[in-house]
Amino acid sequence: MASRTLVKNYLAQWMQMGKTISLSPQGEEVHIYKIIQGERYSPLFNKLWDEISTTKAQEAYLSGTDQSIDDLLSNKWEIIACARCNLLVPSVDMGPRVPVCCPCDDIPNHPNLDSIAPHIPITLVSQIDDLCDRLVQKSQDQPSNTEDFTEDATYSSAEEDHQTLSSLRNSMLKLVKSHSNIENQSH
């Protein structure tokens, strides 16, 4: 069964690719250009999702697909990554796997690896934390060649590297948090 969050992320990714949502049997098409705003989905996209997921789920379809949002929220569907483009696509959860075409089938030149792929909102603090963790891991993975040091080489111990990375992480997190507080006060 696909979670509401996965279905929402599925719609957001494809709307970032230019897909529209059909909200009625008459074919009313809705397109939102600004899906992500800062570290969240835009208010306009959230409003559309609220409308779709509560009152219009039976009538709402992503362009180029045959499954309604109500179908996707049922227990017979799951949301997985497309083998071709790695974006989210619906798949039958149980029984024989009937091939479901990817919404990317009607997008020319897709997947385009030179462009930025659609994504879900990213929390800057967690991204910086992950980056710092990778830096720490990389510094730990580097072989220590203490016998290669000469008089002119700069000495750096593992403890100094750890303290420097820790200080960098704390400084960056403080900067991000202060920036977030300033943004929240201005809204």
N, C-alpha and C. Protein backbone atom coordinates (compact mmCIF):
# COMPACT_ATOMS: atom_id res chain seq x y z
N MET A 1 0.84 -1.19 0.00
CA MET A 1 0.00 0.00 0.00
C MET A 1 0.88 1.25 0.00
N ALA A 2 0.55 2.18 -0.87
CA ALA A 2 1.32 3.42 -0.95
C ALA A 2 0.87 4.37 0.14
N SER A 3 1.81 4.95 0.82
CA SER A 3 1.47 5.92 1.86
C SER A 3 1.05 7.24 1.21
N ARG A 4 0.33 8.03 1.95
CA ARG A 4 -0.10 9.34 1.46
C ARG A 4 1.12 10.20 1.10
N THR A 5 2.17 10.09 1.89
CA THR A 5 3.38 10.88 1.64
C THR A 5 4.02 10.48 0.32
N LEU A 6 4.09 9.18 0.04
CA LEU A 6 4.68 8.72 -1.22
C LEU A 6 3.85 9.18 -2.42
N VAL A 7 2.54 9.12 -2.31
CA VAL A 7 1.68 9.57 -3.42
C VAL A 7 1.86 11.08 -3.62
N LYS A 8 1.95 11.82 -2.54
CA LYS A 8 2.18 13.27 -2.64
C LYS A 8 3.53 13.54 -3.30
N ASN A 9 4.57 12.82 -2.89
CA ASN A 9 5.90 13.00 -3.49
C ASN A 9 5.89 12.61 -4.97
N TYR A 10 5.14 11.56 -5.31
CA TYR A 10 4.99 11.12 -6.70
C TYR A 10 4.39 12.26 -7.54
N LEU A 11 3.30 12.83 -7.07
CA LEU A 11 2.68 13.94 -7.80
C LEU A 11 3.62 15.14 -7.91
N ALA A 12 4.30 15.46 -6.83
CA ALA A 12 5.21 16.61 -6.83
C ALA A 12 6.33 16.42 -7.83
N GLN A 13 6.92 15.22 -7.87
CA GLN A 13 8.02 14.98 -8.82
C GLN A 13 7.55 15.16 -10.25
N TRP A 14 6.40 14.58 -10.58
CA TRP A 14 5.94 14.65 -11.97
C TRP A 14 5.44 16.04 -12.33
N MET A 15 4.90 16.76 -11.38
CA MET A 15 4.50 18.15 -11.67
C MET A 15 5.74 19.02 -11.89
N GLN A 16 6.85 18.69 -11.23
CA GLN A 16 8.10 19.40 -11.49
C GLN A 16 8.60 19.12 -12.91
N MET A 17 8.19 17.99 -13.48
CA MET A 17 8.57 17.63 -14.85
C MET A 17 7.62 18.23 -15.88
N GLY A 18 6.63 18.99 -15.40
CA GLY A 18 5.70 19.66 -16.32
C GLY A 18 4.37 18.96 -16.50
N LYS A 19 4.15 17.86 -15.79
CA LYS A 19 2.87 17.15 -15.88
C LYS A 19 1.77 17.96 -15.20
N THR A 20 0.55 17.73 -15.64
CA THR A 20 -0.60 18.39 -15.04
C THR A 20 -1.44 17.36 -14.29
N ILE A 21 -2.36 17.86 -13.49
CA ILE A 21 -3.32 17.02 -12.77
C ILE A 21 -4.70 17.32 -13.34
N SER A 22 -5.40 16.29 -13.72
CA SER A 22 -6.78 16.42 -14.17
C SER A 22 -7.66 16.25 -12.93
N LEU A 23 -8.52 17.25 -12.67
CA LEU A 23 -9.32 17.22 -11.44
C LEU A 23 -10.79 16.90 -11.65
N SER A 24 -11.24 16.76 -12.88
CA SER A 24 -12.65 16.51 -13.08
C SER A 24 -12.85 15.67 -14.34
N PRO A 25 -14.03 15.05 -14.45
CA PRO A 25 -14.33 14.28 -15.66
C PRO A 25 -14.33 15.16 -16.92
N GLN A 26 -14.51 16.46 -16.75
CA GLN A 26 -14.49 17.38 -17.89
C GLN A 26 -13.07 17.69 -18.35
N GLY A 27 -12.08 17.22 -17.62
CA GLY A 27 -10.69 17.38 -18.02
C GLY A 27 -10.04 18.68 -17.58
N GLU A 28 -10.52 19.28 -16.50
CA GLU A 28 -9.90 20.49 -15.98
C GLU A 28 -8.45 20.19 -15.58
N GLU A 29 -7.50 20.80 -16.26
CA GLU A 29 -6.08 20.55 -16.01
C GLU A 29 -5.50 21.61 -15.09
N VAL A 30 -4.76 21.17 -14.08
CA VAL A 30 -4.11 22.08 -13.15
C VAL A 30 -2.60 21.89 -13.26
N HIS A 31 -1.89 23.01 -13.42
CA HIS A 31 -0.43 22.96 -13.44
C HIS A 31 0.09 24.01 -12.48
N ILE A 32 1.01 23.60 -11.65
CA ILE A 32 1.65 24.51 -10.69
C ILE A 32 3.13 24.57 -11.05
N TYR A 33 3.64 25.77 -11.19
CA TYR A 33 5.05 25.92 -11.56
C TYR A 33 5.98 25.87 -10.36
N LYS A 34 5.50 26.35 -9.23
CA LYS A 34 6.35 26.38 -8.04
C LYS A 34 5.87 25.31 -7.07
N ILE A 35 6.52 24.15 -7.12
CA ILE A 35 6.13 23.02 -6.29
C ILE A 35 6.84 23.08 -4.94
N ILE A 36 8.11 23.47 -4.97
CA ILE A 36 8.92 23.52 -3.75
C ILE A 36 9.27 24.97 -3.45
N GLN A 37 9.11 25.33 -2.20
CA GLN A 37 9.45 26.68 -1.74
C GLN A 37 10.31 26.54 -0.50
N GLY A 38 11.59 26.80 -0.66
CA GLY A 38 12.51 26.66 0.46
C GLY A 38 12.66 25.20 0.85
N GLU A 39 12.41 24.90 2.10
CA GLU A 39 12.55 23.54 2.62
C GLU A 39 11.21 22.81 2.71
N ARG A 40 10.19 23.34 2.03
CA ARG A 40 8.84 22.75 2.10
C ARG A 40 8.20 22.76 0.71
N TYR A 41 7.08 22.06 0.61
CA TYR A 41 6.26 22.20 -0.58
C TYR A 41 5.60 23.57 -0.53
N SER A 42 5.35 24.14 -1.68
CA SER A 42 4.75 25.48 -1.74
C SER A 42 3.32 25.43 -1.19
N PRO A 43 2.84 26.56 -0.66
CA PRO A 43 1.46 26.59 -0.16
C PRO A 43 0.44 26.22 -1.25
N LEU A 44 0.71 26.63 -2.49
CA LEU A 44 -0.20 26.32 -3.59
C LEU A 44 -0.25 24.81 -3.85
N PHE A 45 0.91 24.15 -3.83
CA PHE A 45 0.93 22.71 -4.03
C PHE A 45 0.26 21.99 -2.86
N ASN A 46 0.53 22.44 -1.63
CA ASN A 46 -0.12 21.83 -0.46
C ASN A 46 -1.62 21.98 -0.51
N LYS A 47 -2.11 23.13 -0.98
CA LYS A 47 -3.55 23.35 -1.11
C LYS A 47 -4.13 22.39 -2.14
N LEU A 48 -3.44 22.24 -3.27
CA LEU A 48 -3.89 21.30 -4.30
C LEU A 48 -3.90 19.87 -3.75
N TRP A 49 -2.85 19.49 -3.03
CA TRP A 49 -2.79 18.14 -2.46
C TRP A 49 -3.93 17.91 -1.47
N ASP A 50 -4.20 18.90 -0.63
CA ASP A 50 -5.31 18.76 0.32
C ASP A 50 -6.63 18.54 -0.42
N GLU A 51 -6.85 19.30 -1.48
CA GLU A 51 -8.08 19.15 -2.26
C GLU A 51 -8.15 17.78 -2.93
N ILE A 52 -7.04 17.38 -3.53
CA ILE A 52 -6.99 16.08 -4.22
C ILE A 52 -7.20 14.94 -3.23
N SER A 53 -6.48 14.96 -2.14
CA SER A 53 -6.48 13.81 -1.23
C SER A 53 -7.75 13.71 -0.37
N THR A 54 -8.54 14.77 -0.30
CA THR A 54 -9.74 14.70 0.53
C THR A 54 -11.02 14.60 -0.28
N THR A 55 -11.21 15.46 -1.26
CA THR A 55 -12.51 15.48 -1.95
C THR A 55 -12.47 15.07 -3.41
N LYS A 56 -11.32 15.14 -4.05
CA LYS A 56 -11.28 14.87 -5.49
C LYS A 56 -10.42 13.68 -5.88
N ALA A 57 -10.11 12.80 -4.93
CA ALA A 57 -9.20 11.69 -5.19
C ALA A 57 -9.72 10.75 -6.28
N GLN A 58 -11.05 10.56 -6.35
CA GLN A 58 -11.61 9.66 -7.36
C GLN A 58 -11.54 10.25 -8.76
N GLU A 59 -11.51 11.57 -8.85
CA GLU A 59 -11.51 12.24 -10.15
C GLU A 59 -10.13 12.70 -10.60
N ALA A 60 -9.16 12.69 -9.71
CA ALA A 60 -7.84 13.26 -10.01
C ALA A 60 -6.91 12.23 -10.63
N TYR A 61 -6.31 12.62 -11.74
CA TYR A 61 -5.34 11.79 -12.45
C TYR A 61 -4.13 12.63 -12.81
N LEU A 62 -2.96 12.02 -12.76
CA LEU A 62 -1.76 12.66 -13.29
C LEU A 62 -1.80 12.47 -14.80
N SER A 63 -1.52 13.52 -15.57
CA SER A 63 -1.58 13.39 -17.03
C SER A 63 -0.64 12.29 -17.50
N GLY A 64 -1.12 11.51 -18.47
CA GLY A 64 -0.33 10.41 -19.00
C GLY A 64 -0.46 9.11 -18.22
N THR A 65 -1.35 9.07 -17.22
CA THR A 65 -1.55 7.85 -16.44
C THR A 65 -3.02 7.46 -16.43
N ASP A 66 -3.30 6.23 -16.02
CA ASP A 66 -4.67 5.73 -15.96
C ASP A 66 -5.18 5.55 -14.54
N GLN A 67 -4.32 5.70 -13.54
CA GLN A 67 -4.72 5.47 -12.16
C GLN A 67 -5.14 6.79 -11.51
N SER A 68 -6.29 6.75 -10.85
CA SER A 68 -6.71 7.93 -10.10
C SER A 68 -5.90 7.99 -8.81
N ILE A 69 -5.91 9.12 -8.18
CA ILE A 69 -5.22 9.26 -6.89
C ILE A 69 -5.88 8.35 -5.87
N ASP A 70 -7.18 8.20 -5.96
CA ASP A 70 -7.90 7.28 -5.08
C ASP A 70 -7.38 5.84 -5.26
N ASP A 71 -7.15 5.44 -6.52
CA ASP A 71 -6.58 4.11 -6.78
C ASP A 71 -5.23 3.98 -6.08
N LEU A 72 -4.37 4.98 -6.25
CA LEU A 72 -3.02 4.91 -5.69
C LEU A 72 -3.03 4.87 -4.17
N LEU A 73 -4.03 5.48 -3.56
CA LEU A 73 -4.13 5.47 -2.10
C LEU A 73 -4.76 4.18 -1.57
N SER A 74 -5.25 3.33 -2.47
CA SER A 74 -5.83 2.05 -2.03
C SER A 74 -4.71 1.08 -1.71
N ASN A 75 -5.08 -0.06 -1.13
CA ASN A 75 -4.07 -1.02 -0.70
C ASN A 75 -3.57 -1.93 -1.82
N LYS A 76 -4.00 -1.74 -3.06
CA LYS A 76 -3.50 -2.60 -4.13
C LYS A 76 -2.36 -1.96 -4.94
N TRP A 77 -1.98 -0.75 -4.60
CA TRP A 77 -0.91 -0.06 -5.32
C TRP A 77 0.23 0.30 -4.38
N GLU A 78 1.43 0.35 -4.95
CA GLU A 78 2.58 0.86 -4.22
C GLU A 78 3.30 1.84 -5.15
N ILE A 79 4.13 2.68 -4.59
CA ILE A 79 4.91 3.65 -5.35
C ILE A 79 6.37 3.22 -5.27
N ILE A 80 6.98 3.01 -6.44
CA ILE A 80 8.37 2.56 -6.51
C ILE A 80 9.15 3.47 -7.47
N ALA A 81 10.45 3.28 -7.56
CA ALA A 81 11.28 4.05 -8.49
C ALA A 81 11.21 3.41 -9.88
N CYS A 82 11.09 4.24 -10.89
CA CYS A 82 11.08 3.77 -12.28
C CYS A 82 12.47 3.24 -12.63
N ALA A 83 12.51 2.09 -13.30
CA ALA A 83 13.80 1.50 -13.68
C ALA A 83 14.50 2.34 -14.74
N ARG A 84 13.73 3.11 -15.50
CA ARG A 84 14.30 3.92 -16.58
C ARG A 84 14.80 5.27 -16.10
N CYS A 85 13.96 5.97 -15.32
CA CYS A 85 14.29 7.36 -14.98
C CYS A 85 14.49 7.59 -13.49
N ASN A 86 14.21 6.59 -12.66
CA ASN A 86 14.40 6.64 -11.21
C ASN A 86 13.42 7.56 -10.48
N LEU A 87 12.42 8.09 -11.17
CA LEU A 87 11.37 8.86 -10.50
C LEU A 87 10.30 7.91 -10.00
N LEU A 88 9.44 8.39 -9.13
CA LEU A 88 8.41 7.55 -8.54
C LEU A 88 7.32 7.20 -9.54
N VAL A 89 6.90 5.92 -9.54
CA VAL A 89 5.84 5.43 -10.42
C VAL A 89 4.97 4.45 -9.65
N PRO A 90 3.69 4.32 -10.08
CA PRO A 90 2.82 3.34 -9.43
C PRO A 90 3.08 1.93 -9.94
N SER A 91 2.86 0.96 -9.06
CA SER A 91 3.00 -0.45 -9.40
C SER A 91 1.96 -1.23 -8.61
N VAL A 92 1.40 -2.26 -9.24
CA VAL A 92 0.44 -3.11 -8.55
C VAL A 92 1.18 -3.83 -7.44
N ASP A 93 0.62 -3.78 -6.23
CA ASP A 93 1.28 -4.32 -5.05
C ASP A 93 1.23 -5.84 -4.98
N MET A 94 0.12 -6.43 -5.39
CA MET A 94 -0.02 -7.88 -5.24
C MET A 94 -0.46 -8.49 -6.57
N GLY A 95 -0.24 -9.80 -6.69
CA GLY A 95 -0.65 -10.51 -7.88
C GLY A 95 0.36 -10.35 -9.00
N PRO A 96 -0.06 -10.73 -10.21
CA PRO A 96 0.87 -10.62 -11.33
C PRO A 96 1.22 -9.15 -11.60
N ARG A 97 2.48 -8.91 -11.85
CA ARG A 97 2.94 -7.55 -12.11
C ARG A 97 2.58 -7.15 -13.53
N VAL A 98 1.53 -6.38 -13.65
CA VAL A 98 1.13 -5.87 -14.95
C VAL A 98 1.98 -4.63 -15.22
N PRO A 99 2.65 -4.59 -16.37
CA PRO A 99 3.48 -3.42 -16.62
C PRO A 99 2.65 -2.15 -16.65
N VAL A 100 3.03 -1.21 -15.84
CA VAL A 100 2.39 0.10 -15.80
C VAL A 100 3.38 1.06 -16.44
N CYS A 101 2.91 1.76 -17.47
CA CYS A 101 3.85 2.66 -18.14
C CYS A 101 4.21 3.83 -17.21
N CYS A 102 5.42 4.27 -17.35
CA CYS A 102 5.93 5.37 -16.55
C CYS A 102 5.41 6.68 -17.15
N PRO A 103 5.08 7.65 -16.31
CA PRO A 103 4.66 8.95 -16.84
C PRO A 103 5.73 9.62 -17.72
N CYS A 104 6.96 9.10 -17.68
CA CYS A 104 8.02 9.69 -18.50
C CYS A 104 7.94 9.24 -19.95
N ASP A 105 7.07 8.27 -20.25
CA ASP A 105 6.98 7.75 -21.62
C ASP A 105 6.66 8.83 -22.64
N ASP A 106 5.88 9.84 -22.26
CA ASP A 106 5.51 10.88 -23.23
C ASP A 106 6.33 12.17 -23.09
N ILE A 107 7.41 12.12 -22.34
CA ILE A 107 8.29 13.29 -22.20
C ILE A 107 9.48 13.09 -23.13
N PRO A 108 9.61 13.95 -24.14
CA PRO A 108 10.74 13.78 -25.07
C PRO A 108 12.08 13.99 -24.36
N ASN A 109 13.08 13.24 -24.80
CA ASN A 109 14.45 13.35 -24.27
C ASN A 109 14.55 13.10 -22.77
N HIS A 110 13.70 12.23 -22.25
CA HIS A 110 13.76 11.92 -20.82
C HIS A 110 14.18 10.48 -20.65
N PRO A 111 15.02 10.14 -19.76
CA PRO A 111 15.62 11.00 -18.75
C PRO A 111 16.80 11.81 -19.31
N ASN A 112 16.90 13.04 -18.86
CA ASN A 112 17.98 13.93 -19.24
C ASN A 112 18.92 14.06 -18.04
N LEU A 113 20.04 13.40 -18.11
CA LEU A 113 20.96 13.38 -16.97
C LEU A 113 21.71 14.70 -16.80
N ASP A 114 21.58 15.61 -17.77
CA ASP A 114 22.24 16.91 -17.68
C ASP A 114 21.40 17.94 -16.94
N SER A 115 20.15 17.62 -16.67
CA SER A 115 19.30 18.56 -15.95
C SER A 115 19.11 18.11 -14.50
N ILE A 116 18.64 19.01 -13.69
CA ILE A 116 18.39 18.70 -12.28
C ILE A 116 17.12 17.87 -12.19
N ALA A 117 17.21 16.74 -11.52
CA ALA A 117 16.06 15.84 -11.38
C ALA A 117 15.07 16.41 -10.37
N PRO A 118 13.78 16.14 -10.59
CA PRO A 118 12.79 16.54 -9.60
C PRO A 118 13.11 15.91 -8.25
N HIS A 119 12.73 16.59 -7.20
CA HIS A 119 13.06 16.10 -5.86
C HIS A 119 12.01 16.55 -4.86
N ILE A 120 12.11 15.98 -3.68
CA ILE A 120 11.23 16.40 -2.58
C ILE A 120 11.94 17.53 -1.85
N PRO A 121 11.22 18.28 -1.02
CA PRO A 121 11.88 19.35 -0.27
C PRO A 121 13.04 18.82 0.57
N ILE A 122 14.09 19.58 0.61
CA ILE A 122 15.30 19.19 1.32
C ILE A 122 15.51 20.12 2.50
N THR A 123 15.72 19.55 3.66
CA THR A 123 16.01 20.34 4.85
C THR A 123 17.51 20.63 4.86
N LEU A 124 17.84 21.88 4.80
CA LEU A 124 19.24 22.29 4.70
C LEU A 124 20.08 21.78 5.85
N VAL A 125 19.54 21.81 7.06
CA VAL A 125 20.29 21.35 8.23
C VAL A 125 20.68 19.88 8.07
N SER A 126 19.75 19.05 7.63
CA SER A 126 20.07 17.62 7.48
C SER A 126 21.05 17.41 6.34
N GLN A 127 20.95 18.20 5.28
CA GLN A 127 21.91 18.09 4.18
C GLN A 127 23.32 18.45 4.63
N ILE A 128 23.45 19.52 5.40
CA ILE A 128 24.75 19.93 5.91
C ILE A 128 25.31 18.88 6.86
N ASP A 129 24.44 18.34 7.69
CA ASP A 129 24.86 17.29 8.62
C ASP A 129 25.36 16.06 7.85
N ASP A 130 24.65 15.66 6.80
CA ASP A 130 25.07 14.53 5.98
C ASP A 130 26.42 14.82 5.30
N LEU A 131 26.57 16.04 4.81
CA LEU A 131 27.83 16.43 4.18
C LEU A 131 28.99 16.34 5.16
N CYS A 132 28.79 16.84 6.36
CA CYS A 132 29.83 16.77 7.39
C CYS A 132 30.14 15.32 7.75
N ASP A 133 29.12 14.48 7.83
CA ASP A 133 29.35 13.06 8.12
C ASP A 133 30.20 12.42 7.02
N ARG A 134 29.92 12.77 5.76
CA ARG A 134 30.72 12.22 4.66
C ARG A 134 32.16 12.72 4.73
N LEU A 135 32.36 13.99 5.11
CA LEU A 135 33.72 14.51 5.26
C LEU A 135 34.48 13.77 6.36
N VAL A 136 33.79 13.54 7.47
CA VAL A 136 34.42 12.81 8.58
C VAL A 136 34.78 11.40 8.12
N GLN A 137 33.84 10.74 7.43
CA GLN A 137 34.08 9.38 6.95
C GLN A 137 35.25 9.35 5.98
N LYS A 138 35.29 10.34 5.08
CA LYS A 138 36.38 10.38 4.10
C LYS A 138 37.73 10.59 4.79
N SER A 139 37.75 11.46 5.80
CA SER A 139 39.02 11.69 6.50
C SER A 139 39.45 10.45 7.28
N GLN A 140 38.49 9.66 7.76
CA GLN A 140 38.83 8.43 8.48
C GLN A 140 39.28 7.33 7.52
N ASP A 141 38.78 7.38 6.29
CA ASP A 141 39.14 6.37 5.30
C ASP A 141 40.51 6.62 4.67
N GLN A 142 41.01 7.84 4.78
CA GLN A 142 42.31 8.18 4.20
C GLN A 142 43.41 7.46 4.97
N PRO A 143 44.33 6.82 4.26
CA PRO A 143 45.43 6.16 4.97
C PRO A 143 46.36 7.20 5.59
N SER A 144 46.85 6.88 6.76
CA SER A 144 47.74 7.78 7.47
C SER A 144 49.18 7.40 7.15
N ASN A 145 49.86 8.25 6.42
CA ASN A 145 51.26 8.00 6.04
C ASN A 145 52.16 8.93 6.82
N THR A 146 52.39 8.60 8.07
CA THR A 146 53.22 9.47 8.91
C THR A 146 54.67 9.41 8.51
N GLU A 147 55.10 8.34 7.86
CA GLU A 147 56.51 8.25 7.50
C GLU A 147 56.84 9.09 6.27
N ASP A 148 55.82 9.59 5.54
CA ASP A 148 56.07 10.42 4.37
C ASP A 148 56.27 11.89 4.72
N PHE A 149 56.09 12.26 5.97
CA PHE A 149 56.21 13.67 6.35
C PHE A 149 57.66 14.12 6.27
N THR A 150 57.84 15.32 5.79
CA THR A 150 59.16 15.95 5.76
C THR A 150 59.10 17.20 6.61
N GLU A 151 60.20 17.86 6.71
CA GLU A 151 60.27 19.09 7.52
C GLU A 151 59.30 20.15 6.99
N ASP A 152 59.10 20.21 5.65
CA ASP A 152 58.27 21.25 5.06
C ASP A 152 56.78 20.90 5.05
N ALA A 153 56.43 19.66 5.27
CA ALA A 153 55.03 19.24 5.21
C ALA A 153 54.25 19.80 6.39
N THR A 154 52.96 20.06 6.16
CA THR A 154 52.09 20.54 7.23
C THR A 154 51.62 19.34 8.03
N TYR A 155 51.77 19.43 9.32
CA TYR A 155 51.35 18.33 10.19
C TYR A 155 49.90 18.52 10.56
N SER A 156 49.13 17.44 10.50
CA SER A 156 47.73 17.45 10.90
C SER A 156 47.41 16.11 11.52
N SER A 157 47.02 16.13 12.74
CA SER A 157 46.66 14.88 13.40
C SER A 157 45.18 14.57 13.18
N ALA A 158 44.81 13.35 13.41
CA ALA A 158 43.42 12.93 13.27
C ALA A 158 42.54 13.70 14.25
N GLU A 159 43.04 13.98 15.44
CA GLU A 159 42.27 14.74 16.43
C GLU A 159 42.02 16.16 15.95
N GLU A 160 43.06 16.78 15.36
CA GLU A 160 42.88 18.14 14.83
C GLU A 160 41.85 18.14 13.69
N ASP A 161 41.91 17.13 12.81
CA ASP A 161 40.95 17.04 11.72
C ASP A 161 39.53 16.89 12.26
N HIS A 162 39.37 16.06 13.27
CA HIS A 162 38.06 15.85 13.87
C HIS A 162 37.53 17.15 14.50
N GLN A 163 38.39 17.86 15.21
CA GLN A 163 37.98 19.12 15.84
C GLN A 163 37.63 20.17 14.78
N THR A 164 38.39 20.22 13.71
CA THR A 164 38.12 21.18 12.64
C THR A 164 36.77 20.88 11.99
N LEU A 165 36.51 19.60 11.67
CA LEU A 165 35.23 19.23 11.06
C LEU A 165 34.07 19.49 12.02
N SER A 166 34.26 19.22 13.28
CA SER A 166 33.22 19.46 14.27
C SER A 166 32.92 20.96 14.37
N SER A 167 33.95 21.76 14.38
CA SER A 167 33.79 23.21 14.44
C SER A 167 33.09 23.73 13.18
N LEU A 168 33.47 23.19 12.02
CA LEU A 168 32.84 23.58 10.76
C LEU A 168 31.35 23.23 10.78
N ARG A 169 31.03 22.02 11.23
CA ARG A 169 29.63 21.59 11.30
C ARG A 169 28.82 22.51 12.21
N ASN A 170 29.34 22.80 13.40
CA ASN A 170 28.63 23.67 14.34
C ASN A 170 28.42 25.05 13.78
N SER A 171 29.44 25.60 13.12
CA SER A 171 29.33 26.93 12.53
C SER A 171 28.28 26.96 11.43
N MET A 172 28.28 25.94 10.57
CA MET A 172 27.32 25.90 9.47
C MET A 172 25.90 25.73 10.00
N LEU A 173 25.72 24.88 11.00
CA LEU A 173 24.39 24.67 11.55
C LEU A 173 23.86 25.94 12.23
N LYS A 174 24.74 26.67 12.93
CA LYS A 174 24.32 27.93 13.55
C LYS A 174 23.91 28.93 12.49
N LEU A 175 24.66 28.99 11.40
CA LEU A 175 24.34 29.91 10.31
C LEU A 175 22.99 29.58 9.69
N VAL A 176 22.75 28.29 9.43
CA VAL A 176 21.48 27.87 8.84
C VAL A 176 20.32 28.16 9.78
N LYS A 177 20.49 27.86 11.06
CA LYS A 177 19.42 28.10 12.03
C LYS A 177 19.13 29.59 12.17
N SER A 178 20.15 30.42 12.19
CA SER A 178 19.92 31.86 12.31
C SER A 178 19.23 32.39 11.06
N HIS A 179 19.59 31.85 9.88
CA HIS A 179 18.94 32.25 8.63
C HIS A 179 17.47 31.83 8.64
N SER A 180 17.18 30.62 9.14
CA SER A 180 15.80 30.14 9.22
C SER A 180 14.98 31.00 10.17
N ASN A 181 15.56 31.40 11.29
CA ASN A 181 14.86 32.26 12.25
C ASN A 181 14.55 33.62 11.64
N ILE A 182 15.48 34.17 10.88
CA ILE A 182 15.24 35.45 10.22
C ILE A 182 14.13 35.32 9.19
N GLU A 183 14.12 34.23 8.40
CA GLU A 183 13.06 34.01 7.41
C GLU A 183 11.71 33.85 8.09
N ASN A 184 11.65 33.10 9.18
CA ASN A 184 10.39 32.88 9.89
C ASN A 184 9.84 34.17 10.48
N GLN A 185 10.72 35.07 10.94
CA GLN A 185 10.28 36.34 11.51
C GLN A 185 9.76 37.28 10.44
N SER A 186 10.28 37.15 9.21
CA SER A 186 9.86 38.07 8.14
C SER A 186 8.55 37.65 7.51
N HIS A 187 8.08 36.42 7.80
CA HIS A 187 6.82 35.95 7.20
C HIS A 187 5.69 36.22 8.08
